[in-house]
Amino acid sequence: MHAFTGCDSVPAFSGRGKAFGLKLISKVNDLQSAVRELDQHSILPAGLFQLLREFTCRMYAASQEDITSVNKLRYQLFRENKGNIESGQLPSCEDCLYLHFLRANYQAAVRRRSLEAYPSCYTRS
């Protein structure tokens, strides 16, 4: 979870701290399994990406559990604020979020294998 919610080499979600993310993960079992699985794949499976995308949506709109698309959430937040919202207060678009997941996935893999003498982290493509 540390790499996903922001660390030295992966940016954090604007205005959303680790404590908030931890509380959210502790409430939903599917999210717990998704975070545990984060460093296990060199290419993120679609199902895992969907769960992490839902987690991101819940971080920005906890009361609206039916929204699972970050692009729709961005649009809705923009409309609710009548355009008076800084871009940093919105979640990343879906394409940028996927790259965020890849960075977090790689960083989590490196950290998990940090105590191995000869770690076999997969290469980024």
Protein backbone atom coordinates (compact mmCIF):
# COMPACT_ATOMS: atom_id res chain seq x y z
CA MET A 1 0.00 0.00 0.00
CA HIS A 2 2.91 2.34 0.69
CA ALA A 3 4.03 2.38 -2.95
CA PHE A 4 0.49 2.76 -4.29
CA THR A 5 -0.52 5.71 -2.09
CA GLY A 6 2.78 7.51 -2.64
CA CYS A 7 6.44 7.04 -1.79
CA ASP A 8 9.79 8.50 -2.87
CA SER A 9 9.51 7.29 -6.45
CA VAL A 10 5.72 7.13 -6.91
CA PRO A 11 3.65 10.32 -6.51
CA ALA A 12 0.93 10.50 -3.87
CA PHE A 13 -2.73 11.22 -4.54
CA SER A 14 -3.36 14.92 -4.04
CA GLY A 15 -5.07 15.68 -0.75
CA ARG A 16 -5.45 12.01 0.15
CA GLY A 17 -3.17 10.70 2.85
CA LYS A 18 -1.99 7.22 3.69
CA ALA A 19 -4.20 7.08 6.78
CA PHE A 20 -7.32 7.65 4.68
CA GLY A 21 -6.25 4.97 2.21
CA LEU A 22 -5.52 2.52 5.02
CA LYS A 23 -8.95 3.07 6.59
CA LEU A 24 -10.59 2.52 3.22
CA ILE A 25 -8.64 -0.67 2.54
CA SER A 26 -9.40 -2.05 6.00
CA LYS A 27 -13.14 -1.81 5.29
CA VAL A 28 -13.20 -3.64 1.94
CA ASN A 29 -11.80 -7.18 1.62
CA ASP A 30 -11.46 -7.01 -2.18
CA LEU A 31 -9.18 -4.00 -1.84
CA GLN A 32 -7.04 -5.79 0.75
CA SER A 33 -6.44 -8.68 -1.65
CA ALA A 34 -5.72 -6.25 -4.50
CA VAL A 35 -3.04 -4.43 -2.51
CA ARG A 36 -1.46 -7.74 -1.44
CA GLU A 37 -1.35 -8.82 -5.09
CA LEU A 38 0.15 -5.55 -6.33
CA ASP A 39 3.78 -6.70 -6.71
CA GLN A 40 3.08 -10.22 -8.00
CA HIS A 41 2.64 -9.47 -11.73
CA SER A 42 4.89 -7.83 -14.30
CA ILE A 43 1.76 -6.90 -16.28
CA LEU A 44 -1.26 -5.93 -14.24
CA PRO A 45 -4.27 -8.18 -14.85
CA ALA A 46 -7.46 -6.37 -15.88
CA GLY A 47 -9.27 -7.50 -12.73
CA LEU A 48 -6.56 -6.10 -10.48
CA PHE A 49 -6.51 -2.81 -12.37
CA GLN A 50 -10.31 -2.60 -11.98
CA LEU A 51 -10.07 -3.08 -8.19
CA LEU A 52 -7.33 -0.48 -7.85
CA ARG A 53 -9.30 1.91 -10.04
CA GLU A 54 -12.33 1.45 -7.75
CA PHE A 55 -10.08 2.12 -4.76
CA THR A 56 -8.96 5.39 -6.35
CA CYS A 57 -12.56 6.40 -7.03
CA ARG A 58 -13.49 5.68 -3.42
CA MET A 59 -10.57 7.78 -2.21
CA TYR A 60 -11.96 10.81 -4.03
CA ALA A 61 -15.70 10.09 -3.65
CA ALA A 62 -16.17 7.73 -0.70
CA SER A 63 -19.93 8.25 -0.57
CA GLN A 64 -20.47 7.32 -4.23
CA GLU A 65 -19.60 3.62 -4.44
CA ASP A 66 -21.31 3.19 -7.83
CA ILE A 67 -18.66 5.22 -9.69
CA THR A 68 -15.84 2.96 -10.89
CA SER A 69 -14.42 5.03 -13.76
CA VAL A 70 -11.92 7.72 -12.83
CA ASN A 71 -12.68 9.64 -16.02
CA LYS A 72 -16.38 9.83 -15.11
CA LEU A 73 -15.45 10.78 -11.55
CA ARG A 74 -13.20 13.58 -12.82
CA TYR A 75 -16.05 14.90 -14.96
CA GLN A 76 -18.56 14.67 -12.10
CA LEU A 77 -16.27 16.46 -9.62
CA PHE A 78 -15.60 19.17 -12.20
CA ARG A 79 -19.33 19.68 -12.79
CA GLU A 80 -20.19 19.67 -9.08
CA ASN A 81 -17.67 22.46 -8.50
CA LYS A 82 -18.83 24.36 -11.60
CA GLY A 83 -15.28 24.36 -12.93
CA ASN A 84 -13.87 26.04 -9.82
CA ILE A 85 -11.53 23.21 -8.93
CA GLU A 86 -7.80 22.91 -9.31
CA SER A 87 -6.58 20.09 -11.52
CA GLY A 88 -4.51 18.79 -8.61
CA GLN A 89 -7.69 18.15 -6.64
CA LEU A 90 -8.98 15.73 -9.29
CA PRO A 91 -7.87 12.12 -9.60
CA SER A 92 -5.57 11.24 -12.48
CA CYS A 93 -7.16 10.35 -15.80
CA GLU A 94 -7.38 6.62 -16.53
CA ASP A 95 -4.28 6.47 -18.74
CA CYS A 96 -2.13 8.28 -16.16
CA LEU A 97 -3.58 6.14 -13.40
CA TYR A 98 -2.53 2.99 -15.24
CA LEU A 99 1.04 4.29 -15.41
CA HIS A 100 0.82 5.13 -11.70
CA PHE A 101 -0.20 1.52 -11.02
CA LEU A 102 2.72 0.21 -13.07
CA ARG A 103 5.18 2.39 -11.13
CA ALA A 104 3.67 1.34 -7.80
CA ASN A 105 3.69 -2.31 -8.87
CA TYR A 106 7.37 -2.17 -9.81
CA GLN A 107 8.33 -0.27 -6.65
CA ALA A 108 6.45 -2.76 -4.47
CA ALA A 109 8.26 -5.64 -6.21
CA VAL A 110 11.64 -4.03 -5.59
CA ARG A 111 10.85 -3.40 -1.92
CA ARG A 112 9.52 -6.89 -1.32
CA ARG A 113 12.71 -8.41 -2.70
CA SER A 114 15.09 -5.91 -1.06
CA LEU A 115 16.52 -8.39 1.44
CA GLU A 116 17.29 -11.09 -1.13
CA ALA A 117 20.94 -11.50 -2.08
CA TYR A 118 20.11 -11.77 -5.79
CA PRO A 119 16.63 -10.36 -6.32
CA SER A 120 14.86 -11.36 -9.49
CA CYS A 121 12.67 -8.34 -10.11
CA TYR A 122 11.13 -8.38 -13.52
CA THR A 123 12.23 -5.76 -15.99
CA ARG A 124 9.98 -2.90 -16.93
CA SER A 125 8.81 -2.92 -20.52
